PDB file of N, CA and C in Angstrom:
ATOM      1  N   MET A   1       0.845  -1.138   0.310  1.00  0.00           N
ATOM      2  CA  MET A   1      -0.156  -0.091   0.165  1.00  0.00           C
ATOM      3  C   MET A   1       0.883   1.173  -0.032  1.00  0.00           C
ATOM      4  N   ILE A   2       0.466   2.179  -0.690  1.00  0.00           N
ATOM      5  CA  ILE A   2       1.224   3.566  -0.781  1.00  0.00           C
ATOM      6  C   ILE A   2       0.350   4.671  -0.530  1.00  0.00           C
ATOM      7  N   GLU A   3       0.661   5.565   0.320  1.00  0.00           N
ATOM      8  CA  GLU A   3      -0.149   6.776   0.520  1.00  0.00           C
ATOM      9  C   GLU A   3       0.528   7.975   0.058  1.00  0.00           C
ATOM     10  N   THR A   4      -0.063   8.833  -0.669  1.00  0.00           N
ATOM     11  CA  THR A   4       0.510  10.214  -1.137  1.00  0.00           C
ATOM     12  C   THR A   4       0.236  11.261  -0.299  1.00  0.00           C
ATOM     13  N   ASN A   5      -0.888  11.129   0.687  1.00  0.00           N
ATOM     14  CA  ASN A   5      -1.100  12.419   1.594  1.00  0.00           C
ATOM     15  C   ASN A   5       0.037  12.566   2.658  1.00  0.00           C
ATOM     16  N   GLN A   6       0.911  13.605   2.572  1.00  0.00           N
ATOM     17  CA  GLN A   6       2.152  13.711   3.409  1.00  0.00           C
ATOM     18  C   GLN A   6       1.535  13.981   4.802  1.00  0.00           C
ATOM     19  N   LYS A   7       0.338  14.325   5.205  1.00  0.00           N
ATOM     20  CA  LYS A   7      -0.103  14.690   6.482  1.00  0.00           C
ATOM     21  C   LYS A   7      -0.905  13.208   6.999  1.00  0.00           C
ATOM     22  N   ASP A   8      -0.923  12.106   6.254  1.00  0.00           N
ATOM     23  CA  ASP A   8      -1.555  10.808   6.938  1.00  0.00           C
ATOM     24  C   ASP A   8      -0.580  10.216   7.853  1.00  0.00           C
ATOM     25  N   PRO A   9      -1.016   9.921   8.847  1.00  0.00           N
ATOM     26  CA  PRO A   9      -0.081   9.335  10.056  1.00  0.00           C
ATOM     27  C   PRO A   9       0.588   8.021   9.731  1.00  0.00           C
ATOM     28  N   ASN A  10       0.174   7.418   8.627  1.00  0.00           N
ATOM     29  CA  ASN A  10       0.441   6.085   8.256  1.00  0.00           C
ATOM     30  C   ASN A  10       1.694   6.158   7.080  1.00  0.00           C
ATOM     31  N   ILE A  11       1.890   7.385   6.562  1.00  0.00           N
ATOM     32  CA  ILE A  11       2.886   7.587   5.570  1.00  0.00           C
ATOM     33  C   ILE A  11       4.148   7.208   5.813  1.00  0.00           C
ATOM     34  N   ARG A  12       4.788   7.319   6.739  1.00  0.00           N
ATOM     35  CA  ARG A  12       6.134   6.714   7.130  1.00  0.00           C
ATOM     36  C   ARG A  12       6.105   5.398   7.245  1.00  0.00           C
ATOM     37  N   PHE A  13       5.317   4.736   8.081  1.00  0.00           N
ATOM     38  CA  PHE A  13       5.272   3.321   8.170  1.00  0.00           C
ATOM     39  C   PHE A  13       4.916   2.398   6.823  1.00  0.00           C
ATOM     40  N   LEU A  14       4.103   3.050   5.836  1.00  0.00           N
ATOM     41  CA  LEU A  14       4.151   2.478   4.694  1.00  0.00           C
ATOM     42  C   LEU A  14       5.264   2.905   3.818  1.00  0.00           C
ATOM     43  N   GLN A  15       5.943   3.820   3.867  1.00  0.00           N
ATOM     44  CA  GLN A  15       7.206   4.002   2.884  1.00  0.00           C
ATOM     45  C   GLN A  15       8.176   3.103   3.447  1.00  0.00           C
ATOM     46  N   ASN A  16       8.481   2.966   4.637  1.00  0.00           N
ATOM     47  CA  ASN A  16       9.290   1.951   5.161  1.00  0.00           C
ATOM     48  C   ASN A  16       9.044   0.608   4.776  1.00  0.00           C
ATOM     49  N   ASN A  17       7.756  -0.043   4.930  1.00  0.00           N
ATOM     50  CA  ASN A  17       7.528  -0.967   4.157  1.00  0.00           C
ATOM     51  C   ASN A  17       7.815  -1.203   2.643  1.00  0.00           C
ATOM     52  N   ALA A  18       7.667  -0.403   1.867  1.00  0.00           N
ATOM     53  CA  ALA A  18       7.816  -0.210   0.690  1.00  0.00           C
ATOM     54  C   ALA A  18       9.316  -0.540   0.419  1.00  0.00           C
ATOM     55  N   LYS A  19      10.065   0.289   1.282  1.00  0.00           N
ATOM     56  CA  LYS A  19      11.391   0.381   0.994  1.00  0.00           C
ATOM     57  C   LYS A  19      12.156  -1.098   1.482  1.00  0.00           C
ATOM     58  N   GLN A  20      11.406  -1.825   2.445  1.00  0.00           N
ATOM     59  CA  GLN A  20      12.045  -3.191   2.834  1.00  0.00           C
ATOM     60  C   GLN A  20      11.592  -4.096   1.623  1.00  0.00           C
ATOM     61  N   LEU A  21      10.581  -3.828   1.109  1.00  0.00           N
ATOM     62  CA  LEU A  21      10.053  -4.898   0.141  1.00  0.00           C
ATOM     63  C   LEU A  21      10.953  -4.799  -1.005  1.00  0.00           C
ATOM     64  N   ARG A  22      11.267  -3.755  -1.689  1.00  0.00           N
ATOM     65  CA  ARG A  22      12.094  -3.484  -2.786  1.00  0.00           C
ATOM     66  C   ARG A  22      13.600  -3.953  -2.430  1.00  0.00           C
ATOM     67  N   LYS A  23      14.019  -4.258  -1.360  1.00  0.00           N
ATOM     68  CA  LYS A  23      15.262  -4.877  -1.046  1.00  0.00           C
ATOM     69  C   LYS A  23      15.171  -6.385  -0.908  1.00  0.00           C
ATOM     70  N   ALA A  24      13.918  -6.590  -0.714  1.00  0.00           N
ATOM     71  CA  ALA A  24      13.698  -8.295  -0.544  1.00  0.00           C
ATOM     72  C   ALA A  24      14.107  -9.152  -1.888  1.00  0.00           C
ATOM     73  N   ARG A  25      14.676 -10.355  -1.669  1.00  0.00           N
ATOM     74  CA  ARG A  25      15.013 -10.887  -2.554  1.00  0.00           C
ATOM     75  C   ARG A  25      14.438 -12.249  -2.490  1.00  0.00           C
ATOM     76  N   ASP A  26      14.281 -13.199  -3.535  1.00  0.00           N
ATOM     77  CA  ASP A  26      13.813 -14.736  -3.280  1.00  0.00           C
ATOM     78  C   ASP A  26      15.067 -15.418  -3.020  1.00  0.00           C
ATOM     79  N   ALA A  27      14.817 -16.622  -3.017  1.00  0.00           N
ATOM     80  CA  ALA A  27      15.917 -17.730  -2.590  1.00  0.00           C
ATOM     81  C   ALA A  27      16.998 -17.703  -3.533  1.00  0.00           C
ATOM     82  N   LYS A  28      16.694 -17.330  -5.107  1.00  0.00           N
ATOM     83  CA  LYS A  28      17.783 -17.208  -5.845  1.00  0.00           C
ATOM     84  C   LYS A  28      18.255 -15.824  -6.046  1.00  0.00           C
ATOM     85  N   GLY A  29      18.045 -14.976  -5.136  1.00  0.00           N
ATOM     86  CA  GLY A  29      18.521 -13.671  -5.376  1.00  0.00           C
ATOM     87  C   GLY A  29      17.783 -12.620  -6.159  1.00  0.00           C
ATOM     88  N   LYS A  30      16.523 -12.955  -6.678  1.00  0.00           N
ATOM     89  CA  LYS A  30      15.997 -12.219  -7.629  1.00  0.00           C
ATOM     90  C   LYS A  30      15.020 -11.206  -6.934  1.00  0.00           C
ATOM     91  N   PRO A  31      14.642 -10.008  -7.204  1.00  0.00           N
ATOM     92  CA  PRO A  31      13.803  -9.265  -6.561  1.00  0.00           C
ATOM     93  C   PRO A  31      12.332  -9.566  -6.976  1.00  0.00           C
ATOM     94  N   PHE A  32      11.483  -9.414  -5.965  1.00  0.00           N
ATOM     95  CA  PHE A  32      10.181  -9.454  -5.940  1.00  0.00           C
ATOM     96  C   PHE A  32       9.516  -8.488  -6.962  1.00  0.00           C
ATOM     97  N   ASN A  33       8.344  -8.936  -7.760  1.00  0.00           N
ATOM     98  CA  ASN A  33       7.505  -7.944  -8.537  1.00  0.00           C
ATOM     99  C   ASN A  33       6.702  -7.145  -7.481  1.00  0.00           C
ATOM    100  N   ILE A  34       7.009  -6.079  -6.947  1.00  0.00           N
ATOM    101  CA  ILE A  34       6.086  -5.486  -6.023  1.00  0.00           C
ATOM    102  C   ILE A  34       4.837  -4.636  -6.805  1.00  0.00           C
ATOM    103  N   ALA A  35       3.846  -4.811  -6.289  1.00  0.00           N
ATOM    104  CA  ALA A  35       2.414  -3.935  -6.616  1.00  0.00           C
ATOM    105  C   ALA A  35       2.053  -3.242  -5.593  1.00  0.00           C
ATOM    106  N   GLU A  36       2.078  -1.862  -6.113  1.00  0.00           N
ATOM    107  CA  GLU A  36       1.757  -0.930  -5.600  1.00  0.00           C
ATOM    108  C   GLU A  36       0.057  -0.487  -5.495  1.00  0.00           C
ATOM    109  N   LEU A  37      -0.453  -0.554  -4.528  1.00  0.00           N
ATOM    110  CA  LEU A  37      -1.622  -0.113  -4.488  1.00  0.00           C
ATOM    111  C   LEU A  37      -1.931   1.051  -3.678  1.00  0.00           C
ATOM    112  N   PRO A  38      -2.811   2.078  -4.089  1.00  0.00           N
ATOM    113  CA  PRO A  38      -3.069   3.278  -3.182  1.00  0.00           C
ATOM    114  C   PRO A  38      -4.024   3.081  -2.093  1.00  0.00           C
ATOM    115  N   MET A  39      -4.068   3.845  -1.257  1.00  0.00           N
ATOM    116  CA  MET A  39      -4.560   4.038   0.177  1.00  0.00           C
ATOM    117  C   MET A  39      -5.991   4.637  -0.412  1.00  0.00           C
ATOM    118  N   PRO A  40      -7.229   3.916  -0.132  1.00  0.00           N
ATOM    119  CA  PRO A  40      -8.307   4.970   0.006  1.00  0.00           C
ATOM    120  C   PRO A  40      -8.563   5.871   1.128  1.00  0.00           C
ATOM    121  N   ARG A  41      -9.241   6.843   0.768  1.00  0.00           N
ATOM    122  CA  ARG A  41      -9.459   7.943   1.791  1.00  0.00           C
ATOM    123  C   ARG A  41      -9.978   7.306   3.120  1.00  0.00           C
ATOM    124  N   THR A  42      -9.882   7.744   4.311  1.00  0.00           N
ATOM    125  CA  THR A  42     -10.321   7.409   5.513  1.00  0.00           C
ATOM    126  C   THR A  42     -11.747   7.516   5.486  1.00  0.00           C
ATOM    127  N   LEU A  43     -12.443   6.394   5.896  1.00  0.00           N
ATOM    128  CA  LEU A  43     -14.040   6.721   5.801  1.00  0.00           C
ATOM    129  C   LEU A  43     -14.207   6.999   7.523  1.00  0.00           C
ATOM    130  N   THR A  44     -15.182   7.938   7.555  1.00  0.00           N
ATOM    131  CA  THR A  44     -15.529   8.363   8.760  1.00  0.00           C
ATOM    132  C   THR A  44     -16.846   7.977   8.999  1.00  0.00           C
ATOM    133  N   LEU A  45     -16.980   7.087  10.030  1.00  0.00           N
ATOM    134  CA  LEU A  45     -18.247   6.641  10.378  1.00  0.00           C
ATOM    135  C   LEU A  45     -19.066   6.876  11.914  1.00  0.00           C
ATOM    136  N   ARG A  46     -20.147   6.861  12.002  1.00  0.00           N
ATOM    137  CA  ARG A  46     -20.673   7.360  13.309  1.00  0.00           C
ATOM    138  C   ARG A  46     -20.586   6.439  14.399  1.00  0.00           C
ATOM    139  N   ARG A  47     -19.978   5.048  14.015  1.00  0.00           N
ATOM    140  CA  ARG A  47     -19.995   4.009  14.870  1.00  0.00           C
ATOM    141  C   ARG A  47     -18.315   3.526  14.912  1.00  0.00           C
ATOM    142  N   ARG A  48     -18.186   2.908  15.712  1.00  0.00           N
ATOM    143  CA  ARG A  48     -16.659   2.382  15.847  1.00  0.00           C
ATOM    144  C   ARG A  48     -16.160   1.373  14.730  1.00  0.00           C
ATOM    145  N   ALA A  49     -15.202   1.732  13.855  1.00  0.00           N
ATOM    146  CA  ALA A  49     -14.936   0.695  12.799  1.00  0.00           C
ATOM    147  C   ALA A  49     -13.519   0.070  13.204  1.00  0.00           C
ATOM    148  N   PRO A  50     -13.210  -1.440  12.872  1.00  0.00           N
ATOM    149  CA  PRO A  50     -12.360  -2.198  13.404  1.00  0.00           C
ATOM    150  C   PRO A  50     -11.011  -1.623  12.926  1.00  0.00           C
ATOM    151  N   ALA A  51     -10.725  -1.222  11.691  1.00  0.00           N
ATOM    152  CA  ALA A  51      -9.689  -0.786  11.117  1.00  0.00           C
ATOM    153  C   ALA A  51      -9.882  -0.027   9.652  1.00  0.00           C
ATOM    154  N   ARG A  52      -8.863   0.599   9.398  1.00  0.00           N
ATOM    155  CA  ARG A  52      -9.072   1.461   8.151  1.00  0.00           C
ATOM    156  C   ARG A  52      -8.753   0.052   7.065  1.00  0.00           C
ATOM    157  N   GLN A  53     -10.036   0.146   6.038  1.00  0.00           N
ATOM    158  CA  GLN A  53      -9.990  -0.730   4.963  1.00  0.00           C
ATOM    159  C   GLN A  53      -8.763  -0.579   4.090  1.00  0.00           C
ATOM    160  N   LEU A  54      -8.493  -1.681   3.447  1.00  0.00           N
ATOM    161  CA  LEU A  54      -7.366  -1.521   2.218  1.00  0.00           C
ATOM    162  C   LEU A  54      -8.028  -2.530   1.106  1.00  0.00           C
ATOM    163  N   TYR A  55      -7.361  -1.642   0.133  1.00  0.00           N
ATOM    164  CA  TYR A  55      -7.445  -2.609  -1.302  1.00  0.00           C
ATOM    165  C   TYR A  55      -6.848  -4.147  -1.223  1.00  0.00           C
ATOM    166  N   ALA A  56      -5.813  -4.457  -0.326  1.00  0.00           N
ATOM    167  CA  ALA A  56      -4.884  -5.246  -0.198  1.00  0.00           C
ATOM    168  C   ALA A  56      -5.731  -6.607   0.544  1.00  0.00           C
ATOM    169  N   ASN A  57      -7.094  -6.317   1.333  1.00  0.00           N
ATOM    170  CA  ASN A  57      -7.756  -7.051   1.872  1.00  0.00           C
ATOM    171  C   ASN A  57      -8.855  -7.772   0.741  1.00  0.00           C
ATOM    172  N   PHE A  58      -8.154  -8.699  -0.274  1.00  0.00           N
ATOM    173  CA  PHE A  58      -8.904  -9.114  -1.235  1.00  0.00           C
ATOM    174  C   PHE A  58      -8.961 -10.726  -1.090  1.00  0.00           C
ATOM    175  N   LEU A  59      -9.905 -11.283  -1.905  1.00  0.00           N
ATOM    176  CA  LEU A  59     -10.213 -12.975  -1.719  1.00  0.00           C
ATOM    177  C   LEU A  59     -10.146 -13.140  -3.155  1.00  0.00           C
ATOM    178  N   ILE A  60      -9.359 -14.246  -3.677  1.00  0.00           N
ATOM    179  CA  ILE A  60      -9.215 -14.988  -4.576  1.00  0.00           C
ATOM    180  C   ILE A  60     -10.019 -16.508  -4.739  1.00  0.00           C
ATOM    181  N   ALA A  61     -10.949 -16.440  -5.338  1.00  0.00           N
ATOM    182  CA  ALA A  61     -11.649 -17.729  -5.377  1.00  0.00           C
ATOM    183  C   ALA A  61     -11.649 -18.401  -6.752  1.00  0.00           C
ATOM    184  N   ASN A  62     -12.336 -19.500  -6.855  1.00  0.00           N
ATOM    185  CA  ASN A  62     -12.419 -20.050  -8.214  1.00  0.00           C
ATOM    186  C   ASN A  62     -13.198 -19.046  -9.226  1.00  0.00           C
ATOM    187  N   LYS A  63     -12.422 -18.748 -10.375  1.00  0.00           N
ATOM    188  CA  LYS A  63     -12.729 -17.745 -11.196  1.00  0.00           C
ATOM    189  C   LYS A  63     -13.115 -16.358 -10.987  1.00  0.00           C
ATOM    190  N   LEU A  64     -12.929 -15.936  -9.807  1.00  0.00           N
ATOM    191  CA  LEU A  64     -13.040 -14.726  -9.486  1.00  0.00           C
ATOM    192  C   LEU A  64     -12.261 -14.078  -8.178  1.00  0.00           C
ATOM    193  N   VAL A  65     -12.250 -12.854  -8.232  1.00  0.00           N
ATOM    194  CA  VAL A  65     -11.370 -11.954  -7.171  1.00  0.00           C
ATOM    195  C   VAL A  65     -12.375 -11.017  -6.759  1.00  0.00           C
ATOM    196  N   LEU A  66     -12.544 -11.067  -5.228  1.00  0.00           N
ATOM    197  CA  LEU A  66     -13.476 -10.150  -4.319  1.00  0.00           C
ATOM    198  C   LEU A  66     -12.503  -9.111  -3.845  1.00  0.00           C
ATOM    199  N   VAL A  67     -12.723  -7.893  -4.380  1.00  0.00           N
ATOM    200  CA  VAL A  67     -11.794  -6.681  -3.873  1.00  0.00           C
ATOM    201  C   VAL A  67     -12.728  -5.590  -3.297  1.00  0.00           C
ATOM    202  N   PRO A  68     -12.433  -5.148  -2.229  1.00  0.00           N
ATOM    203  CA  PRO A  68     -13.186  -3.957  -1.494  1.00  0.00           C
ATOM    204  C   PRO A  68     -13.351  -2.860  -2.228  1.00  0.00           C
ATOM    205  N   THR A  69     -14.243  -2.155  -2.261  1.00  0.00           N
ATOM    206  CA  THR A  69     -14.335  -0.688  -3.026  1.00  0.00           C
ATOM    207  C   THR A  69     -14.931   0.070  -1.897  1.00  0.00           C
ATOM    208  N   PHE A  70     -14.521   1.653  -2.008  1.00  0.00           N
ATOM    209  CA  PHE A  70     -15.070   2.550  -1.148  1.00  0.00           C
ATOM    210  C   PHE A  70     -15.666   3.759  -1.465  1.00  0.00           C
ATOM    211  N   ASN A  71     -16.074   3.883  -2.579  1.00  0.00           N
ATOM    212  CA  ASN A  71     -16.701   5.089  -3.361  1.00  0.00           C
ATOM    213  C   ASN A  71     -15.614   6.090  -3.562  1.00  0.00           C
ATOM    214  N   ASP A  72     -14.454   5.507  -3.728  1.00  0.00           N
ATOM    215  CA  ASP A  72     -13.090   6.857  -3.848  1.00  0.00           C
ATOM    216  C   ASP A  72     -12.613   6.515  -5.157  1.00  0.00           C
ATOM    217  N   PRO A  73     -12.093   7.695  -5.361  1.00  0.00           N
ATOM    218  CA  PRO A  73     -11.287   7.847  -6.860  1.00  0.00           C
ATOM    219  C   PRO A  73     -10.227   6.788  -6.964  1.00  0.00           C
ATOM    220  N   ASN A  74      -9.492   6.335  -5.951  1.00  0.00           N
ATOM    221  CA  ASN A  74      -8.551   5.285  -5.968  1.00  0.00           C
ATOM    222  C   ASN A  74      -8.934   3.801  -6.225  1.00  0.00           C
ATOM    223  N   ASP A  75     -10.459   3.725  -6.021  1.00  0.00           N
ATOM    224  CA  ASP A  75     -11.072   2.149  -6.739  1.00  0.00           C
ATOM    225  C   ASP A  75     -10.763   2.051  -7.762  1.00  0.00           C
ATOM    226  N   ARG A  76     -11.002   2.808  -8.715  1.00  0.00           N
ATOM    227  CA  ARG A  76     -10.445   2.303 -10.205  1.00  0.00           C
ATOM    228  C   ARG A  76      -8.945   2.097 -10.196  1.00  0.00           C
ATOM    229  N   ILE A  77      -8.131   2.715  -9.702  1.00  0.00           N
ATOM    230  CA  ILE A  77      -6.822   2.400 -10.062  1.00  0.00           C
ATOM    231  C   ILE A  77      -6.569   0.877  -9.440  1.00  0.00           C
ATOM    232  N   ALA A  78      -6.972   0.899  -8.000  1.00  0.00           N
ATOM    233  CA  ALA A  78      -6.634  -0.404  -7.585  1.00  0.00           C
ATOM    234  C   ALA A  78      -7.418  -1.574  -8.326  1.00  0.00           C
ATOM    235  N   LEU A  79      -8.563  -1.513  -9.020  1.00  0.00           N
ATOM    236  CA  LEU A  79      -9.117  -2.478  -9.769  1.00  0.00           C
ATOM    237  C   LEU A  79      -8.261  -2.589 -10.927  1.00  0.00           C
ATOM    238  N   LYS A  80      -7.911  -1.598 -11.542  1.00  0.00           N
ATOM    239  CA  LYS A  80      -7.225  -1.924 -12.644  1.00  0.00           C
ATOM    240  C   LYS A  80      -5.768  -2.320 -12.818  1.00  0.00           C
ATOM    241  N   HIS A  81      -5.228  -2.390 -11.391  1.00  0.00           N
ATOM    242  CA  HIS A  81      -3.858  -2.952 -11.266  1.00  0.00           C
ATOM    243  C   HIS A  81      -3.511  -4.245 -11.816  1.00  0.00           C
ATOM    244  N   PRO A  82      -2.314  -4.159 -12.559  1.00  0.00           N
ATOM    245  CA  PRO A  82      -2.260  -5.574 -13.107  1.00  0.00           C
ATOM    246  C   PRO A  82      -1.350  -6.546 -12.263  1.00  0.00           C
ATOM    247  N   GLY A  83      -0.798  -6.237 -11.078  1.00  0.00           N
ATOM    248  CA  GLY A  83      -0.104  -6.949  -9.885  1.00  0.00           C
ATOM    249  C   GLY A  83      -1.055  -8.214  -9.771  1.00  0.00           C
TER     250      GLY A  83
END
């Protein structure tokens, strides 16, 4: 996941995660193909929510992939991602 909002409290953690993943190598020393997905905007609810939702919380099943959407401009980016 990547965050472009410099004011987001998670940006530093997400940037660090991406940096570590880019350094990682498989058992043969080859770099991994890293798919970057944008973060959706934070949803504000009138009740307690368990966590910020992510496009990376998807399910692969027989002949389909279920991906959460958030009525957010980044939905289209995440759904078109070739990763």
